[in-house]
Amino acid sequence: MRAGEILIAVEAQLRRTDQGRGRTVYRREWSIGVGETRIDFAAINGHFVGCEIKSARDNFGRLPSQVQLYSAVLDRAVLVVEGVAATARAAPLLPSWWGIWRAVATPSGAVLEVVRKGELNPAPEALAIAQLLWRDEAYAVAERSGVGRGLRRATRWRLWETLASEVPLGTLQREVREAIRARPDW
């Protein structure tokens, strides 16, 4: 099975799940962690949902660092793996709140089976979430949140740190989701 077939199945699954949830933005290869890693496929609406795709031949050496970075920003995370053996190898490397989908080859492409239903992330990180914002977006969020005084010329890093320390996590998550969904060409 080719990775492209799995990606098509993941996108179709998320689009079915997100029907009726308002405007959803879908991204392939979405950079997070200030460029440290990329989420294979993400859906952004009332939640950040991200999927990491691993084929049966993939080495899982990078998976622990990917799990750490994904877990910092996502509300829901899913590992999509090809085959039973790869599923068994990957499961112990994941937090219990992560979902696991197994990709199975069919004559018409990949089909996904839910191995473990995911749950909401119990510990998202405010700084990592703030870092999803572009500099101008971060300043706009700071202004709307009442913490923008003296930050008009601040670096993005200072803005991110201020947002992470001064804005309640739920508010920050909502603001970041809205900023991402409002981006042109997203």
Protein backbone atom coordinates (compact mmCIF):
# COMPACT_ATOMS: atom_id res chain seq x y z
CA MET A 1 0.00 0.00 0.00
CA ARG A 2 1.30 3.46 -0.85
CA ALA A 3 1.43 6.33 1.65
CA GLY A 4 -0.71 8.42 -0.71
CA GLU A 5 -3.52 5.88 -0.48
CA ILE A 6 -3.43 6.05 3.31
CA LEU A 7 -3.42 9.85 3.23
CA ILE A 8 -6.50 9.88 0.98
CA ALA A 9 -8.31 7.56 3.40
CA VAL A 10 -7.33 9.73 6.39
CA GLU A 11 -8.54 12.90 4.70
CA ALA A 12 -11.83 11.27 3.73
CA GLN A 13 -12.36 10.00 7.29
CA LEU A 14 -11.72 13.41 8.85
CA ARG A 15 -13.96 15.16 6.33
CA ARG A 16 -16.79 12.73 7.18
CA THR A 17 -16.25 13.26 10.90
CA ASP A 18 -16.18 17.06 10.56
CA GLN A 19 -19.41 17.46 8.58
CA GLY A 20 -21.67 19.97 10.28
CA ARG A 21 -18.95 21.43 12.54
CA GLY A 22 -18.68 24.76 10.80
CA ARG A 23 -15.74 25.83 8.69
CA THR A 24 -12.92 23.34 8.91
CA VAL A 25 -9.45 23.96 7.53
CA TYR A 26 -7.51 20.89 6.36
CA ARG A 27 -3.74 20.90 6.03
CA ARG A 28 -1.28 18.36 4.72
CA GLU A 29 2.26 18.58 6.11
CA TRP A 30 1.42 21.25 8.71
CA SER A 31 4.55 22.55 10.43
CA ILE A 32 4.46 22.76 14.23
CA GLY A 33 7.03 23.22 16.97
CA VAL A 34 8.48 26.24 15.17
CA GLY A 35 9.30 23.98 12.23
CA GLU A 36 10.61 21.06 14.28
CA THR A 37 8.13 18.58 12.81
CA ARG A 38 5.17 18.33 10.48
CA ILE A 39 1.76 16.81 11.07
CA ASP A 40 0.93 14.57 8.12
CA PHE A 41 -2.72 15.65 8.04
CA ALA A 42 -4.59 18.09 10.28
CA ALA A 43 -8.14 19.37 10.65
CA ILE A 44 -8.74 22.66 12.43
CA ASN A 45 -12.23 23.67 13.54
CA GLY A 46 -13.46 23.68 17.14
CA HIS A 47 -10.51 21.36 17.83
CA PHE A 48 -7.03 20.73 16.51
CA VAL A 49 -6.96 17.16 15.19
CA GLY A 50 -3.80 15.72 13.72
CA CYS A 51 -2.79 12.41 12.18
CA GLU A 52 0.66 10.91 11.89
CA ILE A 53 0.89 8.23 9.19
CA LYS A 54 3.34 5.32 9.37
CA SER A 55 3.61 2.56 6.82
CA ALA A 56 4.52 -1.00 7.77
CA ARG A 57 8.07 -0.33 6.56
CA ASP A 58 8.58 2.90 8.51
CA ASN A 59 11.11 3.13 11.28
CA PHE A 60 9.48 4.39 14.49
CA GLY A 61 12.68 6.10 15.68
CA ARG A 62 11.23 9.62 15.29
CA LEU A 63 7.84 8.72 16.75
CA PRO A 64 8.64 9.61 20.41
CA SER A 65 9.69 13.16 19.47
CA GLN A 66 6.71 13.50 17.14
CA VAL A 67 4.39 12.37 19.94
CA GLN A 68 5.87 15.01 22.26
CA LEU A 69 5.43 17.82 19.73
CA TYR A 70 1.95 16.72 18.60
CA SER A 71 0.86 16.35 22.23
CA ALA A 72 1.87 19.93 22.96
CA VAL A 73 -0.58 21.45 20.45
CA LEU A 74 -3.28 18.98 19.41
CA ASP A 75 -6.63 18.46 21.08
CA ARG A 76 -6.87 15.03 19.48
CA ALA A 77 -4.07 12.98 17.93
CA VAL A 78 -4.24 9.82 15.85
CA LEU A 79 -1.52 7.48 14.69
CA VAL A 80 -2.44 5.77 11.44
CA VAL A 81 -0.42 2.61 10.84
CA GLU A 82 -0.36 0.00 8.14
CA GLY A 83 -0.77 -3.58 9.29
CA VAL A 84 -1.17 -5.50 12.52
CA ALA A 85 2.55 -5.82 13.29
CA ALA A 86 3.19 -2.08 12.92
CA THR A 87 0.17 -1.36 15.12
CA ALA A 88 1.57 -3.61 17.85
CA ARG A 89 5.01 -1.95 17.60
CA ALA A 90 3.57 1.57 17.78
CA ALA A 91 0.94 1.26 20.52
CA PRO A 92 3.38 1.20 23.48
CA LEU A 93 5.00 4.42 22.21
CA LEU A 94 1.78 6.44 22.45
CA PRO A 95 0.03 8.17 25.34
CA SER A 96 -3.28 6.54 26.25
CA TRP A 97 -5.30 9.50 24.92
CA TRP A 98 -4.00 9.06 21.36
CA GLY A 99 -6.20 7.23 18.88
CA ILE A 100 -4.89 4.46 16.66
CA TRP A 101 -6.27 3.69 13.21
CA ARG A 102 -5.03 0.73 11.18
CA ALA A 103 -4.84 1.12 7.40
CA VAL A 104 -5.86 -1.99 5.49
CA ALA A 105 -5.31 -2.41 1.75
CA THR A 106 -8.33 -3.09 -0.45
CA PRO A 107 -8.60 -3.26 -4.25
CA SER A 108 -9.99 0.29 -4.26
CA GLY A 109 -7.40 1.81 -1.85
CA ALA A 110 -6.87 1.99 1.88
CA VAL A 111 -9.61 1.50 4.47
CA LEU A 112 -9.19 2.61 8.08
CA GLU A 113 -10.12 0.53 11.12
CA VAL A 114 -10.32 2.13 14.55
CA VAL A 115 -8.04 0.18 16.89
CA ARG A 116 -8.25 2.66 19.75
CA LYS A 117 -10.60 5.62 19.92
CA GLY A 118 -8.75 8.72 20.98
CA GLU A 119 -9.65 11.10 23.79
CA LEU A 120 -9.07 14.80 24.41
CA ASN A 121 -5.51 15.80 25.21
CA PRO A 122 -5.24 16.15 28.99
CA ALA A 123 -2.21 18.48 28.93
CA PRO A 124 -1.81 20.83 25.93
CA GLU A 125 0.98 23.40 26.29
CA ALA A 126 0.14 27.09 26.01
CA LEU A 127 3.51 28.19 24.59
CA ALA A 128 3.46 25.54 21.85
CA ILE A 129 -0.11 26.55 20.94
CA ALA A 130 0.82 30.26 20.84
CA GLN A 131 3.71 29.38 18.50
CA LEU A 132 1.20 28.32 15.85
CA LEU A 133 0.42 32.02 15.35
CA TRP A 134 2.14 34.25 12.86
CA ARG A 135 3.61 37.40 14.44
CA ASP A 136 0.78 39.75 13.40
CA GLU A 137 -1.82 37.21 14.53
CA ALA A 138 -0.11 36.92 17.91
CA TYR A 139 -0.17 40.68 18.36
CA ALA A 140 -3.87 40.82 17.41
CA VAL A 141 -4.67 38.11 19.97
CA ALA A 142 -2.69 40.00 22.62
CA GLU A 143 -4.64 43.18 21.85
CA ARG A 144 -8.02 41.41 21.98
CA SER A 145 -7.03 39.70 25.22
CA GLY A 146 -5.99 42.96 26.88
CA VAL A 147 -2.30 42.04 27.21
CA GLY A 148 -0.94 43.86 24.15
CA ARG A 149 0.15 47.07 25.86
CA GLY A 150 3.78 47.79 25.00
CA LEU A 151 4.01 44.86 22.56
CA ARG A 152 3.36 46.58 19.22
CA ARG A 153 7.01 46.11 18.17
CA ALA A 154 7.70 42.95 20.18
CA THR A 155 9.26 39.90 18.57
CA ARG A 156 7.05 36.92 17.88
CA TRP A 157 8.85 35.05 20.68
CA ARG A 158 7.98 37.75 23.23
CA LEU A 159 4.39 37.80 21.99
CA TRP A 160 4.13 34.01 22.23
CA GLU A 161 5.54 34.03 25.78
CA THR A 162 3.13 36.77 26.83
CA LEU A 163 0.15 34.94 25.37
CA ALA A 164 1.19 31.68 27.01
CA SER A 165 1.59 33.25 30.43
CA GLU A 166 -1.21 35.84 30.41
CA VAL A 167 -4.12 34.38 28.40
CA PRO A 168 -6.18 31.50 29.83
CA LEU A 169 -5.48 28.28 27.93
CA GLY A 170 -9.05 27.80 26.65
CA THR A 171 -9.16 31.36 25.35
CA LEU A 172 -5.76 31.00 23.72
CA GLN A 173 -6.77 27.75 22.02
CA ARG A 174 -9.96 29.33 20.68
CA GLU A 175 -8.12 32.44 19.45
CA VAL A 176 -5.42 30.37 17.72
CA ARG A 177 -7.99 28.15 15.99
CA GLU A 178 -9.86 31.21 14.74
CA ALA A 179 -6.69 32.89 13.50
CA ILE A 180 -5.66 29.79 11.57
CA ARG A 181 -9.09 29.34 10.05
CA ALA A 182 -9.09 33.01 8.95
CA ARG A 183 -5.81 32.76 7.05
CA PRO A 184 -6.11 33.37 3.32
CA ASP A 185 -5.47 30.33 1.13
CA TRP A 186 -5.74 27.91 4.04
